[in-house]
C-alpha atoms as a PDB file:
ATOM      1  CA  MET A   1      75.007 119.980 133.882  1.00  0.00           C
ATOM      2  CA  ILE A   2      78.757 119.611 134.302  1.00  0.00           C
ATOM      3  CA  GLU A   3      78.315 115.848 134.777  1.00  0.00           C
ATOM      4  CA  MET A   4      76.735 115.538 131.342  1.00  0.00           C
ATOM      5  CA  LEU A   5      79.619 117.463 129.803  1.00  0.00           C
ATOM      6  CA  VAL A   6      82.174 115.167 131.456  1.00  0.00           C
ATOM      7  CA  ILE A   7      80.257 112.071 130.356  1.00  0.00           C
ATOM      8  CA  ALA A   8      80.090 113.395 126.793  1.00  0.00           C
ATOM      9  CA  MET A   9      83.822 114.121 126.745  1.00  0.00           C
ATOM     10  CA  VAL A  10      84.742 110.687 128.094  1.00  0.00           C
ATOM     11  CA  GLY A  11      82.391 109.043 125.596  1.00  0.00           C
ATOM     12  CA  ALA A  12      83.905 110.998 122.728  1.00  0.00           C
ATOM     13  CA  ILE A  13      87.414 109.959 123.748  1.00  0.00           C
ATOM     14  CA  LEU A  14      86.398 106.312 124.070  1.00  0.00           C
ATOM     15  CA  LEU A  15      84.842 106.457 120.600  1.00  0.00           C
ATOM     16  CA  ALA A  16      87.783 108.305 119.054  1.00  0.00           C
ATOM     17  CA  VAL A  17      90.450 105.792 120.115  1.00  0.00           C
ATOM     18  CA  PRO A  18      89.174 102.835 118.011  1.00  0.00           C
ATOM     19  CA  VAL A  19      88.446 105.142 115.091  1.00  0.00           C
ATOM     20  CA  MET A  20      92.007 106.471 115.155  1.00  0.00           C
ATOM     21  CA  LEU A  21      93.407 102.920 115.291  1.00  0.00           C
ATOM     22  CA  VAL A  22      91.406 101.958 112.206  1.00  0.00           C
ATOM     23  CA  ILE A  23      92.558 105.081 110.360  1.00  0.00           C
ATOM     24  CA  TYR A  24      96.199 104.435 111.347  1.00  0.00           C
ATOM     25  CA  ARG A  25      96.078 100.872 110.016  1.00  0.00           C
ATOM     26  CA  ALA A  26      94.292 101.936 106.827  1.00  0.00           C
ATOM     27  CA  VAL A  27      96.936 104.561 106.075  1.00  0.00           C
ATOM     28  CA  GLY A  28      99.659 101.964 106.678  1.00  0.00           C
ATOM     29  CA  ASN A  29      97.978  99.605 104.228  1.00  0.00           C
ATOM     30  CA  LEU A  30      97.642 102.431 101.699  1.00  0.00           C
ATOM     31  CA  ILE A  31     101.356 103.196 101.937  1.00  0.00           C
ATOM     32  CA  ASP A  32     102.192  99.488 101.496  1.00  0.00           C
ATOM     33  CA  TRP A  33      99.913  99.304  98.444  1.00  0.00           C
ATOM     34  CA  VAL A  34     101.542 102.369  96.880  1.00  0.00           C
ATOM     35  CA  ILE A  35     105.009 100.883  97.393  1.00  0.00           C
ATOM     36  CA  LEU A  36     103.967  97.506  96.001  1.00  0.00           C
ATOM     37  CA  THR A  37     102.224  99.080  93.004  1.00  0.00           C
ATOM     38  CA  PHE A  38     104.502 101.949  92.061  1.00  0.00           C
ATOM     39  CA  GLY A  39     107.731 101.303  93.965  1.00  0.00           C
ATOM     40  CA  ASN A  40     111.010 100.254  92.484  1.00  0.00           C
ATOM     41  CA  PRO A  41     111.991  96.561  92.801  1.00  0.00           C
ATOM     42  CA  GLU A  42     114.392  97.183  95.693  1.00  0.00           C
ATOM     43  CA  ALA A  43     111.704  98.941  97.738  1.00  0.00           C
ATOM     44  CA  VAL A  44     109.213  96.158  97.017  1.00  0.00           C
ATOM     45  CA  GLU A  45     111.654  93.450  98.089  1.00  0.00           C
ATOM     46  CA  ARG A  46     112.579  95.375 101.241  1.00  0.00           C
ATOM     47  CA  LEU A  47     108.895  95.820 102.144  1.00  0.00           C
ATOM     48  CA  LYS A  48     108.167  92.129 101.577  1.00  0.00           C
ATOM     49  CA  ARG A  49     111.173  91.151 103.679  1.00  0.00           C
ATOM     50  CA  GLU A  50     110.228  93.537 106.516  1.00  0.00           C
ATOM     51  CA  ARG A  51     106.616  92.363 106.560  1.00  0.00           C
ATOM     52  CA  GLY A  52     107.530  88.679 106.245  1.00  0.00           C
ATOM     53  CA  TRP A  53     105.470  88.211 103.088  1.00  0.00           C
ATOM     54  CA  SER A  54     106.041  85.468 100.552  1.00  0.00           C
ATOM     55  CA  ASP A  55     106.724  86.135  96.864  1.00  0.00           C
ATOM     56  CA  GLY A  56     102.980  86.234  96.199  1.00  0.00           C
ATOM     57  CA  GLY A  57     102.565  89.267  98.429  1.00  0.00           C
ATOM     58  CA  ARG A  58     100.450  87.397 100.959  1.00  0.00           C
ATOM     59  CA  PRO A  59     101.314  87.083 104.638  1.00  0.00           C
ATOM     60  CA  LYS A  60     103.005  83.838 105.621  1.00  0.00           C
ATOM     61  CA  THR A  61     100.961  81.550 107.833  1.00  0.00           C
END
């Protein structure tokens, strides 16, 4: 019985890690979008410079 509980806990942790990474990246993208959409020009330029984006807002390749 205790083995099943341990297996369930380990499985839940292994499932939670990728889910949390996806949520973390999505929130980061949401914050970037809000700055690019509603931010003042200085904040937009600073974000583009920090991210290494071109003037079009797309990542440089």
